[in-house]
């Protein structure tokens, strides 16, 4: 077998593995479009935005519940804690779906704490990734900004926190949608023979 044949075989195996790992490229395109629609609804700043964020919180709790139950089925250590967390996430999802407005305002009231927590995690992981990530400082800067924003949001009124949460979720959905669409077309290009 020549070197060219080996590269062609390796390339087709890589594409087949990529297709099995990622699935059909159009699935990422559809989820990207869905994220863009969610971002558009959220950034319109109306009562539908608040309900959308509450329902998104319910979806997040639902996926977290599934994740905890899957971890509990695989790992025997701390299984009881994963099952307990799964049950708590189930109740959280049911509550968020039943009362999305209340879920939104509860999330807005703890937004500062969540931003401080997320920023701290970003700072730690970016510093830890210095050896393998040449742009580790971007995560560090983002983490510092999240911590600063978290302290600022903790001092503000609920309406300001609500608007900040809507902007945060809307921009997250917008950027997530764009990245999913880019991934879809990158997969399409990589999966072609």
N, C-alpha and C. Protein backbone atom coordinates (compact mmCIF):
# COMPACT_ATOMS: atom_id res chain seq x y z
N UNK A 1 0.85 -1.17 0.00
CA UNK A 1 0.00 0.00 0.00
C UNK A 1 0.90 1.23 0.00
N UNK A 2 0.62 2.16 -0.86
CA UNK A 2 1.44 3.36 -0.96
C UNK A 2 1.05 4.37 0.12
N UNK A 3 1.90 5.37 0.25
CA UNK A 3 1.64 6.41 1.25
C UNK A 3 0.37 7.17 0.94
N UNK A 4 0.09 7.37 -0.35
CA UNK A 4 -1.12 8.09 -0.76
C UNK A 4 -2.38 7.29 -0.40
N UNK A 5 -2.32 5.97 -0.61
CA UNK A 5 -3.47 5.13 -0.26
C UNK A 5 -3.70 5.11 1.24
N UNK A 6 -2.59 5.10 2.03
CA UNK A 6 -2.72 5.12 3.48
C UNK A 6 -3.36 6.41 3.95
N UNK A 7 -2.97 7.55 3.36
CA UNK A 7 -3.56 8.83 3.74
C UNK A 7 -5.03 8.89 3.37
N UNK A 8 -5.38 8.34 2.20
CA UNK A 8 -6.77 8.35 1.78
C UNK A 8 -7.61 7.48 2.70
N UNK A 9 -7.08 6.30 3.06
CA UNK A 9 -7.79 5.42 3.98
C UNK A 9 -7.93 6.07 5.35
N UNK A 10 -6.84 6.68 5.82
CA UNK A 10 -6.88 7.36 7.11
C UNK A 10 -7.87 8.52 7.08
N UNK A 11 -7.90 9.27 5.97
CA UNK A 11 -8.84 10.38 5.84
C UNK A 11 -10.28 9.92 5.84
N UNK A 12 -10.57 8.81 5.14
CA UNK A 12 -11.94 8.32 5.12
C UNK A 12 -12.33 7.74 6.47
N UNK A 13 -11.39 7.11 7.18
CA UNK A 13 -11.68 6.64 8.54
C UNK A 13 -11.95 7.81 9.47
N UNK A 14 -11.17 8.87 9.32
CA UNK A 14 -11.37 10.05 10.16
C UNK A 14 -12.73 10.66 9.91
N UNK A 15 -13.11 10.76 8.63
CA UNK A 15 -14.43 11.31 8.29
C UNK A 15 -15.55 10.43 8.83
N UNK A 16 -15.38 9.11 8.73
CA UNK A 16 -16.41 8.19 9.24
C UNK A 16 -16.51 8.32 10.76
N UNK A 17 -15.37 8.42 11.42
CA UNK A 17 -15.39 8.61 12.88
C UNK A 17 -16.01 9.93 13.27
N UNK A 18 -15.69 10.97 12.51
CA UNK A 18 -16.27 12.29 12.77
C UNK A 18 -17.78 12.25 12.59
N UNK A 19 -18.25 11.56 11.56
CA UNK A 19 -19.68 11.47 11.32
C UNK A 19 -20.37 10.72 12.46
N UNK A 20 -19.74 9.62 12.93
CA UNK A 20 -20.34 8.86 14.04
C UNK A 20 -20.34 9.68 15.32
N UNK A 21 -19.27 10.44 15.55
CA UNK A 21 -19.19 11.24 16.77
C UNK A 21 -20.16 12.41 16.75
N UNK A 22 -20.20 13.12 15.65
CA UNK A 22 -20.96 14.36 15.59
C UNK A 22 -22.38 14.18 15.08
N UNK A 23 -22.64 13.14 14.33
CA UNK A 23 -23.96 12.96 13.76
C UNK A 23 -24.11 13.78 12.49
N UNK A 24 -25.31 13.86 11.99
CA UNK A 24 -25.53 14.62 10.76
C UNK A 24 -25.28 16.12 10.98
N UNK A 25 -24.67 16.74 9.99
CA UNK A 25 -24.29 18.15 10.12
C UNK A 25 -25.52 19.05 10.23
N UNK A 26 -26.62 18.66 9.60
CA UNK A 26 -27.80 19.51 9.59
C UNK A 26 -28.45 19.59 10.96
N UNK A 27 -28.15 18.62 11.85
CA UNK A 27 -28.68 18.69 13.21
C UNK A 27 -28.12 19.91 13.94
N UNK A 28 -26.82 20.18 13.74
CA UNK A 28 -26.21 21.37 14.33
C UNK A 28 -26.79 22.64 13.71
N UNK A 29 -27.10 22.58 12.42
CA UNK A 29 -27.71 23.72 11.76
C UNK A 29 -29.08 24.03 12.36
N UNK A 30 -29.88 23.00 12.59
CA UNK A 30 -31.21 23.21 13.19
C UNK A 30 -31.12 23.73 14.61
N UNK A 31 -30.21 23.17 15.41
CA UNK A 31 -30.07 23.67 16.78
C UNK A 31 -29.53 25.10 16.80
N UNK A 32 -28.66 25.42 15.84
CA UNK A 32 -28.15 26.79 15.75
C UNK A 32 -29.26 27.78 15.43
N UNK A 33 -30.12 27.40 14.51
CA UNK A 33 -31.26 28.27 14.17
C UNK A 33 -32.19 28.41 15.37
N UNK A 34 -32.42 27.30 16.10
CA UNK A 34 -33.27 27.36 17.30
C UNK A 34 -32.67 28.30 18.35
N UNK A 35 -31.34 28.24 18.54
CA UNK A 35 -30.70 29.15 19.49
C UNK A 35 -30.83 30.60 19.05
N UNK A 36 -30.73 30.86 17.75
CA UNK A 36 -30.89 32.23 17.26
C UNK A 36 -32.31 32.75 17.52
N UNK A 37 -33.30 31.89 17.35
CA UNK A 37 -34.69 32.29 17.61
C UNK A 37 -34.88 32.57 19.11
N UNK A 38 -34.30 31.71 19.96
CA UNK A 38 -34.39 31.94 21.41
C UNK A 38 -33.71 33.26 21.79
N UNK A 39 -32.55 33.53 21.19
CA UNK A 39 -31.86 34.80 21.45
C UNK A 39 -32.69 35.99 21.01
N UNK A 40 -33.34 35.88 19.86
CA UNK A 40 -34.17 36.98 19.36
C UNK A 40 -35.35 37.22 20.29
N UNK A 41 -36.01 36.15 20.73
CA UNK A 41 -37.15 36.30 21.64
C UNK A 41 -36.70 36.92 22.95
N UNK A 42 -35.57 36.46 23.47
CA UNK A 42 -35.09 36.94 24.76
C UNK A 42 -34.68 38.40 24.70
N UNK A 43 -34.01 38.80 23.63
CA UNK A 43 -33.52 40.18 23.53
C UNK A 43 -34.60 41.19 23.17
N UNK A 44 -35.81 40.74 22.95
CA UNK A 44 -36.91 41.67 22.67
C UNK A 44 -37.41 42.35 23.94
N UNK A 45 -37.07 41.87 25.11
CA UNK A 45 -37.44 42.46 26.41
C UNK A 45 -38.94 42.65 26.57
N UNK A 46 -39.68 41.58 26.49
CA UNK A 46 -41.11 41.62 26.77
C UNK A 46 -41.46 40.43 27.67
N UNK A 47 -42.70 40.29 28.07
CA UNK A 47 -43.05 39.16 28.94
C UNK A 47 -42.71 37.79 28.36
N UNK A 48 -42.71 37.68 27.04
CA UNK A 48 -42.31 36.40 26.43
C UNK A 48 -40.84 36.10 26.71
N UNK A 49 -40.02 37.15 26.84
CA UNK A 49 -38.61 36.95 27.16
C UNK A 49 -38.45 36.31 28.53
N UNK A 50 -39.23 36.80 29.49
CA UNK A 50 -39.16 36.26 30.85
C UNK A 50 -39.60 34.81 30.87
N UNK A 51 -40.69 34.50 30.18
CA UNK A 51 -41.18 33.12 30.13
C UNK A 51 -40.18 32.22 29.41
N UNK A 52 -39.56 32.73 28.35
CA UNK A 52 -38.56 31.95 27.61
C UNK A 52 -37.39 31.58 28.50
N UNK A 53 -36.89 32.52 29.27
CA UNK A 53 -35.77 32.24 30.17
C UNK A 53 -36.20 31.24 31.25
N UNK A 54 -37.40 31.36 31.77
CA UNK A 54 -37.89 30.40 32.75
C UNK A 54 -37.99 28.99 32.19
N UNK A 55 -38.48 28.88 30.97
CA UNK A 55 -38.57 27.56 30.32
C UNK A 55 -37.18 27.02 30.00
N UNK A 56 -36.26 27.89 29.57
CA UNK A 56 -34.88 27.45 29.33
C UNK A 56 -34.26 26.92 30.62
N UNK A 57 -34.58 27.55 31.73
CA UNK A 57 -34.09 27.07 33.02
C UNK A 57 -34.65 25.67 33.30
N UNK A 58 -35.92 25.46 32.97
CA UNK A 58 -36.51 24.13 33.13
C UNK A 58 -35.84 23.09 32.25
N UNK A 59 -35.52 23.45 31.02
CA UNK A 59 -34.80 22.54 30.12
C UNK A 59 -33.42 22.23 30.68
N UNK A 60 -32.74 23.25 31.19
CA UNK A 60 -31.43 23.03 31.79
C UNK A 60 -31.52 22.07 32.98
N UNK A 61 -32.52 22.25 33.83
CA UNK A 61 -32.72 21.34 34.96
C UNK A 61 -33.02 19.93 34.48
N UNK A 62 -33.81 19.82 33.40
CA UNK A 62 -34.16 18.51 32.87
C UNK A 62 -32.91 17.78 32.36
N UNK A 63 -32.07 18.47 31.60
CA UNK A 63 -30.84 17.85 31.11
C UNK A 63 -29.89 17.53 32.26
N UNK A 64 -29.86 18.39 33.27
CA UNK A 64 -29.02 18.12 34.44
C UNK A 64 -29.50 16.88 35.17
N UNK A 65 -30.82 16.70 35.25
CA UNK A 65 -31.38 15.52 35.89
C UNK A 65 -30.95 14.26 35.14
N UNK A 66 -31.08 14.28 33.82
CA UNK A 66 -30.68 13.13 33.00
C UNK A 66 -29.20 12.84 33.20
N UNK A 67 -28.39 13.89 33.22
CA UNK A 67 -26.95 13.73 33.41
C UNK A 67 -26.64 13.09 34.77
N UNK A 68 -27.30 13.55 35.82
CA UNK A 68 -27.06 12.98 37.15
C UNK A 68 -27.47 11.52 37.22
N UNK A 69 -28.60 11.16 36.62
CA UNK A 69 -29.02 9.76 36.63
C UNK A 69 -28.07 8.89 35.81
N UNK A 70 -27.54 9.42 34.72
CA UNK A 70 -26.57 8.66 33.92
C UNK A 70 -25.27 8.45 34.71
N UNK A 71 -24.83 9.48 35.40
CA UNK A 71 -23.62 9.34 36.22
C UNK A 71 -23.86 8.32 37.34
N UNK A 72 -25.05 8.36 37.94
CA UNK A 72 -25.36 7.41 39.02
C UNK A 72 -25.40 5.97 38.51
N UNK A 73 -25.80 5.78 37.25
CA UNK A 73 -25.86 4.42 36.71
C UNK A 73 -24.48 3.87 36.38
N UNK A 74 -23.50 4.74 36.19
CA UNK A 74 -22.16 4.31 35.81
C UNK A 74 -21.24 4.20 37.01
N UNK A 75 -21.28 5.16 37.90
CA UNK A 75 -20.37 5.21 39.04
C UNK A 75 -21.07 4.69 40.29
N UNK A 76 -20.37 3.82 41.02
CA UNK A 76 -20.96 3.30 42.26
C UNK A 76 -20.66 4.20 43.46
N UNK A 77 -19.56 4.94 43.38
CA UNK A 77 -19.25 5.82 44.49
C UNK A 77 -20.11 7.07 44.41
N UNK A 78 -20.63 7.48 45.53
CA UNK A 78 -21.49 8.65 45.64
C UNK A 78 -22.76 8.52 44.79
N UNK A 79 -23.18 7.31 44.49
CA UNK A 79 -24.38 7.10 43.67
C UNK A 79 -25.59 7.75 44.31
N UNK A 80 -25.73 7.62 45.63
CA UNK A 80 -26.89 8.18 46.32
C UNK A 80 -26.97 9.68 46.14
N UNK A 81 -25.81 10.36 46.11
CA UNK A 81 -25.81 11.81 45.95
C UNK A 81 -26.23 12.21 44.53
N UNK A 82 -25.79 11.45 43.54
CA UNK A 82 -26.19 11.74 42.16
C UNK A 82 -27.70 11.51 41.97
N UNK A 83 -28.22 10.46 42.59
CA UNK A 83 -29.67 10.22 42.50
C UNK A 83 -30.43 11.34 43.20
N UNK A 84 -29.95 11.76 44.36
CA UNK A 84 -30.59 12.86 45.08
C UNK A 84 -30.56 14.15 44.25
N UNK A 85 -29.42 14.45 43.65
CA UNK A 85 -29.32 15.64 42.79
C UNK A 85 -30.26 15.52 41.59
N UNK A 86 -30.37 14.33 41.03
CA UNK A 86 -31.29 14.12 39.91
C UNK A 86 -32.73 14.39 40.29
N UNK A 87 -33.12 13.95 41.49
CA UNK A 87 -34.49 14.20 41.98
C UNK A 87 -34.71 15.69 42.22
N UNK A 88 -33.70 16.36 42.79
CA UNK A 88 -33.82 17.81 43.01
C UNK A 88 -33.95 18.54 41.67
N UNK A 89 -33.15 18.13 40.67
CA UNK A 89 -33.26 18.75 39.34
C UNK A 89 -34.62 18.46 38.71
N UNK A 90 -35.18 17.28 38.97
CA UNK A 90 -36.51 16.96 38.46
C UNK A 90 -37.56 17.91 39.04
N UNK A 91 -37.51 18.14 40.34
CA UNK A 91 -38.44 19.08 40.96
C UNK A 91 -38.22 20.50 40.44
N UNK A 92 -36.95 20.89 40.26
CA UNK A 92 -36.65 22.21 39.70
C UNK A 92 -37.19 22.38 38.29
N UNK A 93 -37.06 21.33 37.47
CA UNK A 93 -37.58 21.39 36.10
C UNK A 93 -39.10 21.51 36.10
N UNK A 94 -39.75 20.71 36.93
CA UNK A 94 -41.22 20.78 37.00
C UNK A 94 -41.67 22.16 37.45
N UNK A 95 -40.99 22.73 38.44
CA UNK A 95 -41.35 24.06 38.93
C UNK A 95 -41.12 25.12 37.85
N UNK A 96 -39.98 25.04 37.14
CA UNK A 96 -39.69 26.03 36.11
C UNK A 96 -40.68 25.95 34.94
N UNK A 97 -41.11 24.73 34.60
CA UNK A 97 -42.09 24.60 33.51
C UNK A 97 -43.47 25.07 33.97
N UNK A 98 -43.82 24.83 35.24
CA UNK A 98 -45.14 25.22 35.74
C UNK A 98 -45.22 26.72 36.01
N UNK A 99 -44.12 27.32 36.46
CA UNK A 99 -44.11 28.74 36.82
C UNK A 99 -42.87 29.42 36.25
N UNK A 100 -42.81 29.62 34.94
CA UNK A 100 -41.60 30.18 34.33
C UNK A 100 -41.29 31.61 34.80
N UNK A 101 -42.31 32.41 35.11
CA UNK A 101 -42.06 33.77 35.59
C UNK A 101 -41.36 33.76 36.95
N UNK A 102 -41.83 32.88 37.85
CA UNK A 102 -41.19 32.76 39.16
C UNK A 102 -39.77 32.23 39.03
N UNK A 103 -39.57 31.29 38.12
CA UNK A 103 -38.23 30.75 37.91
C UNK A 103 -37.28 31.84 37.42
N UNK A 104 -37.77 32.69 36.53
CA UNK A 104 -36.94 33.79 36.04
C UNK A 104 -36.52 34.72 37.17
N UNK A 105 -37.48 35.16 37.99
CA UNK A 105 -37.16 36.13 39.04
C UNK A 105 -36.31 35.51 40.14
N UNK A 106 -36.47 34.22 40.38
CA UNK A 106 -35.59 33.55 41.33
C UNK A 106 -34.17 33.51 40.79
N UNK A 107 -34.03 33.19 39.51
CA UNK A 107 -32.71 33.19 38.89
C UNK A 107 -32.11 34.59 38.89
N UNK A 108 -32.93 35.59 38.63
CA UNK A 108 -32.43 36.98 38.64
C UNK A 108 -31.96 37.39 40.03
N UNK A 109 -32.62 36.88 41.07
CA UNK A 109 -32.23 37.27 42.42
C UNK A 109 -30.89 36.65 42.84
N UNK A 110 -30.51 35.53 42.24
CA UNK A 110 -29.22 34.93 42.60
C UNK A 110 -28.18 35.09 41.49
N UNK A 111 -28.47 35.96 40.53
CA UNK A 111 -27.58 36.14 39.38
C UNK A 111 -26.17 36.56 39.80
N UNK A 112 -26.05 37.46 40.76
CA UNK A 112 -24.73 37.92 41.19
C UNK A 112 -23.89 36.77 41.72
N UNK A 113 -24.50 35.94 42.55
CA UNK A 113 -23.79 34.78 43.09
C UNK A 113 -23.36 33.81 41.98
N UNK A 114 -24.27 33.58 41.02
CA UNK A 114 -23.94 32.68 39.91
C UNK A 114 -22.78 33.23 39.07
N UNK A 115 -22.79 34.54 38.83
CA UNK A 115 -21.70 35.15 38.04
C UNK A 115 -20.37 35.06 38.79
N UNK A 116 -20.39 35.29 40.08
CA UNK A 116 -19.16 35.18 40.87
C UNK A 116 -18.64 33.75 40.84
N UNK A 117 -19.54 32.79 40.99
CA UNK A 117 -19.16 31.38 40.97
C UNK A 117 -18.60 30.99 39.60
N UNK A 118 -19.31 31.36 38.53
CA UNK A 118 -18.87 31.03 37.17
C UNK A 118 -17.54 31.72 36.84
N UNK A 119 -17.38 32.96 37.23
CA UNK A 119 -16.14 33.68 36.99
C UNK A 119 -14.96 33.04 37.70
N UNK A 120 -15.19 32.59 38.93
CA UNK A 120 -14.13 31.91 39.68
C UNK A 120 -13.72 30.62 38.99
N UNK A 121 -14.68 29.86 38.50
CA UNK A 121 -14.37 28.62 37.79
C UNK A 121 -13.59 28.94 36.50
N UNK A 122 -14.00 29.98 35.77
CA UNK A 122 -13.29 30.34 34.55
C UNK A 122 -11.85 30.78 34.84
N UNK A 123 -11.65 31.51 35.91
CA UNK A 123 -10.29 31.94 36.29
C UNK A 123 -9.42 30.72 36.60
N UNK A 124 -9.94 29.80 37.39
CA UNK A 124 -9.17 28.61 37.79
C UNK A 124 -8.85 27.73 36.58
N UNK A 125 -9.85 27.47 35.73
CA UNK A 125 -9.60 26.59 34.58
C UNK A 125 -8.69 27.23 33.55
N UNK A 126 -8.77 28.54 33.37
CA UNK A 126 -7.89 29.18 32.39
C UNK A 126 -6.45 29.19 32.88
N UNK A 127 -6.23 29.42 34.17
CA UNK A 127 -4.87 29.37 34.70
C UNK A 127 -4.33 27.95 34.64
N UNK A 128 -5.18 26.98 34.90
CA UNK A 128 -4.77 25.58 34.85
C UNK A 128 -4.43 25.14 33.42
N UNK A 129 -5.03 25.78 32.42
CA UNK A 129 -4.83 25.38 31.02
C UNK A 129 -3.70 26.14 30.34
N UNK A 130 -2.88 26.88 31.09
CA UNK A 130 -1.79 27.67 30.49
C UNK A 130 -0.86 26.82 29.64
N UNK A 131 -0.59 25.61 30.06
CA UNK A 131 0.38 24.75 29.35
C UNK A 131 -0.13 24.30 27.99
N UNK A 132 -1.44 24.11 27.84
CA UNK A 132 -2.00 23.56 26.60
C UNK A 132 -2.79 24.55 25.77
N UNK A 133 -3.08 25.70 26.33
CA UNK A 133 -3.91 26.68 25.63
C UNK A 133 -3.14 27.99 25.51
N UNK A 134 -2.85 28.37 24.28
CA UNK A 134 -2.06 29.59 24.08
C UNK A 134 -2.86 30.87 24.35
N UNK A 135 -4.17 30.79 24.34
CA UNK A 135 -5.01 31.96 24.61
C UNK A 135 -5.72 31.80 25.97
N UNK A 136 -5.02 31.23 26.93
CA UNK A 136 -5.59 31.01 28.25
C UNK A 136 -5.99 32.32 28.92
N UNK A 137 -5.32 33.39 28.57
CA UNK A 137 -5.57 34.69 29.18
C UNK A 137 -6.96 35.22 28.84
N UNK A 138 -7.54 34.77 27.72
CA UNK A 138 -8.91 35.19 27.39
C UNK A 138 -9.90 34.67 28.43
N UNK A 139 -9.73 33.41 28.83
CA UNK A 139 -10.57 32.86 29.89
C UNK A 139 -10.37 33.57 31.21
N UNK A 140 -9.12 33.97 31.48
CA UNK A 140 -8.81 34.71 32.70
C UNK A 140 -9.51 36.06 32.70
N UNK A 141 -9.43 36.77 31.58
CA UNK A 141 -10.09 38.08 31.48
C UNK A 141 -11.60 37.93 31.60
N UNK A 142 -12.16 36.91 30.92
CA UNK A 142 -13.60 36.69 31.01
C UNK A 142 -14.02 36.37 32.44
N UNK A 143 -13.22 35.56 33.14
CA UNK A 143 -13.53 35.23 34.52
C UNK A 143 -13.49 36.44 35.44
N UNK A 144 -12.49 37.28 35.26
CA UNK A 144 -12.40 38.50 36.07
C UNK A 144 -13.59 39.42 35.80
N UNK A 145 -13.98 39.55 34.53
CA UNK A 145 -15.15 40.38 34.20
C UNK A 145 -16.43 39.79 34.78
N UNK A 146 -16.56 38.45 34.77
CA UNK A 146 -17.74 37.83 35.35
C UNK A 146 -17.81 38.06 36.85
N UNK A 147 -16.67 37.96 37.54
CA UNK A 147 -16.66 38.21 38.98
C UNK A 147 -17.03 39.67 39.27
N UNK A 148 -16.45 40.60 38.51
CA UNK A 148 -16.77 42.02 38.71
C UNK A 148 -18.25 42.29 38.44
N UNK A 149 -18.78 41.71 37.36
CA UNK A 149 -20.19 41.87 37.04
C UNK A 149 -21.07 41.23 38.11
N UNK A 150 -20.63 40.12 38.67
CA UNK A 150 -21.38 39.47 39.74
C UNK A 150 -21.48 40.34 40.98
N UNK A 151 -20.37 40.99 41.36
CA UNK A 151 -20.43 41.88 42.52
C UNK A 151 -21.30 43.10 42.22
N UNK A 152 -21.24 43.61 40.99
CA UNK A 152 -22.08 44.76 40.63
C UNK A 152 -23.55 44.37 40.65
N UNK A 153 -23.88 43.19 40.10
CA UNK A 153 -25.28 42.77 40.04
C UNK A 153 -25.84 42.47 41.43
N UNK A 154 -24.99 42.07 42.35
CA UNK A 154 -25.45 41.78 43.71
C UNK A 154 -25.94 43.03 44.44
N UNK A 155 -25.49 44.19 44.03
CA UNK A 155 -25.85 45.44 44.69
C UNK A 155 -27.06 46.12 44.06
N UNK A 156 -27.57 45.62 42.95
CA UNK A 156 -28.62 46.29 42.19
C UNK A 156 -30.01 45.79 42.56
N UNK A 157 -31.02 46.51 42.06
CA UNK A 157 -32.42 46.15 42.27
C UNK A 157 -32.80 44.99 41.35
N UNK A 158 -33.96 44.36 41.66
CA UNK A 158 -34.42 43.22 40.88
C UNK A 158 -34.62 43.55 39.40
N UNK A 159 -35.15 44.73 39.11
CA UNK A 159 -35.39 45.07 37.69
C UNK A 159 -34.09 45.15 36.92
N UNK A 160 -33.03 45.67 37.54
CA UNK A 160 -31.74 45.73 36.87
C UNK A 160 -31.18 44.33 36.69
N UNK A 161 -31.33 43.49 37.71
CA UNK A 161 -30.88 42.10 37.60
C UNK A 161 -31.65 41.37 36.52
N UNK A 162 -32.95 41.63 36.43
CA UNK A 162 -33.76 40.99 35.40
C UNK A 162 -33.31 41.39 34.01
N UNK A 163 -33.06 42.68 33.81
CA UNK A 163 -32.58 43.13 32.49
C UNK A 163 -31.21 42.55 32.19
N UNK A 164 -30.34 42.50 33.18
CA UNK A 164 -29.01 41.93 32.99
C UNK A 164 -29.12 40.45 32.64
N UNK A 165 -30.02 39.73 33.31
CA UNK A 165 -30.21 38.31 33.01
C UNK A 165 -30.73 38.11 31.59
N UNK A 166 -31.67 38.95 31.17
CA UNK A 166 -32.19 38.84 29.81
C UNK A 166 -31.09 39.09 28.78
N UNK A 167 -30.28 40.11 29.01
CA UNK A 167 -29.18 40.39 28.08
C UNK A 167 -28.20 39.23 28.07
N UNK A 168 -27.88 38.72 29.26
CA UNK A 168 -26.93 37.61 29.38
C UNK A 168 -27.42 36.38 28.63
N UNK A 169 -28.67 35.98 28.87
CA UNK A 169 -29.22 34.80 28.22
C UNK A 169 -29.38 35.04 26.72
N UNK A 170 -29.83 36.23 26.34
CA UNK A 170 -30.00 36.54 24.92
C UNK A 170 -28.69 36.49 24.17
N UNK A 171 -27.64 37.09 24.72
CA UNK A 171 -26.34 37.06 24.05
C UNK A 171 -25.75 35.66 24.05
N UNK A 172 -25.95 34.91 25.14
CA UNK A 172 -25.49 33.52 25.16
C UNK A 172 -26.16 32.73 24.05
N UNK A 173 -27.48 32.87 23.93
CA UNK A 173 -28.21 32.14 22.88
C UNK A 173 -27.76 32.57 21.50
N UNK A 174 -27.53 33.86 21.32
CA UNK A 174 -27.08 34.37 20.02
C UNK A 174 -25.72 33.79 19.65
N UNK A 175 -24.76 33.85 20.58
CA UNK A 175 -23.42 33.32 20.29
C UNK A 175 -23.44 31.81 20.15
N UNK A 176 -24.27 31.13 20.93
CA UNK A 176 -24.38 29.68 20.82
C UNK A 176 -24.95 29.30 19.46
N UNK A 177 -25.96 30.04 19.00
CA UNK A 177 -26.54 29.77 17.69
C UNK A 177 -25.54 29.95 16.57
N UNK A 178 -24.78 31.04 16.63
CA UNK A 178 -23.78 31.29 15.60
C UNK A 178 -22.73 30.18 15.61
N UNK A 179 -22.27 29.79 16.79
CA UNK A 179 -21.23 28.75 16.85
C UNK A 179 -21.77 27.41 16.38
N UNK A 180 -23.03 27.09 16.67
CA UNK A 180 -23.61 25.83 16.19
C UNK A 180 -23.72 25.82 14.67
N UNK A 181 -24.08 26.95 14.08
CA UNK A 181 -24.17 27.02 12.62
C UNK A 181 -22.79 26.88 11.99
N UNK A 182 -21.78 27.52 12.58
CA UNK A 182 -20.41 27.38 12.08
C UNK A 182 -19.95 25.93 12.19
N UNK A 183 -20.24 25.29 13.32
CA UNK A 183 -19.87 23.88 13.49
C UNK A 183 -20.58 23.02 12.45
N UNK A 184 -21.84 23.33 12.17
CA UNK A 184 -22.58 22.55 11.17
C UNK A 184 -21.89 22.59 9.82
N UNK A 185 -21.51 23.76 9.37
CA UNK A 185 -20.87 23.86 8.06
C UNK A 185 -19.45 23.33 8.06
N UNK A 186 -18.76 23.41 9.20
CA UNK A 186 -17.44 22.80 9.30
C UNK A 186 -17.55 21.27 9.24
N UNK A 187 -18.55 20.71 9.92
CA UNK A 187 -18.78 19.27 9.85
C UNK A 187 -19.15 18.84 8.44
N UNK A 188 -19.98 19.64 7.79
CA UNK A 188 -20.37 19.31 6.42
C UNK A 188 -19.15 19.26 5.51
N UNK A 189 -18.28 20.25 5.68
CA UNK A 189 -17.07 20.29 4.86
C UNK A 189 -16.14 19.14 5.20
N UNK A 190 -16.02 18.80 6.50
CA UNK A 190 -15.11 17.73 6.91
C UNK A 190 -15.64 16.35 6.56
N UNK A 191 -16.96 16.19 6.49
CA UNK A 191 -17.55 14.88 6.22
C UNK A 191 -17.61 14.56 4.72
N UNK A 192 -17.38 15.54 3.90
CA UNK A 192 -17.40 15.29 2.44
C UNK A 192 -16.20 14.45 2.04
N UNK A 193 -16.38 13.54 1.10
CA UNK A 193 -15.25 12.71 0.64
C UNK A 193 -14.25 13.49 -0.19
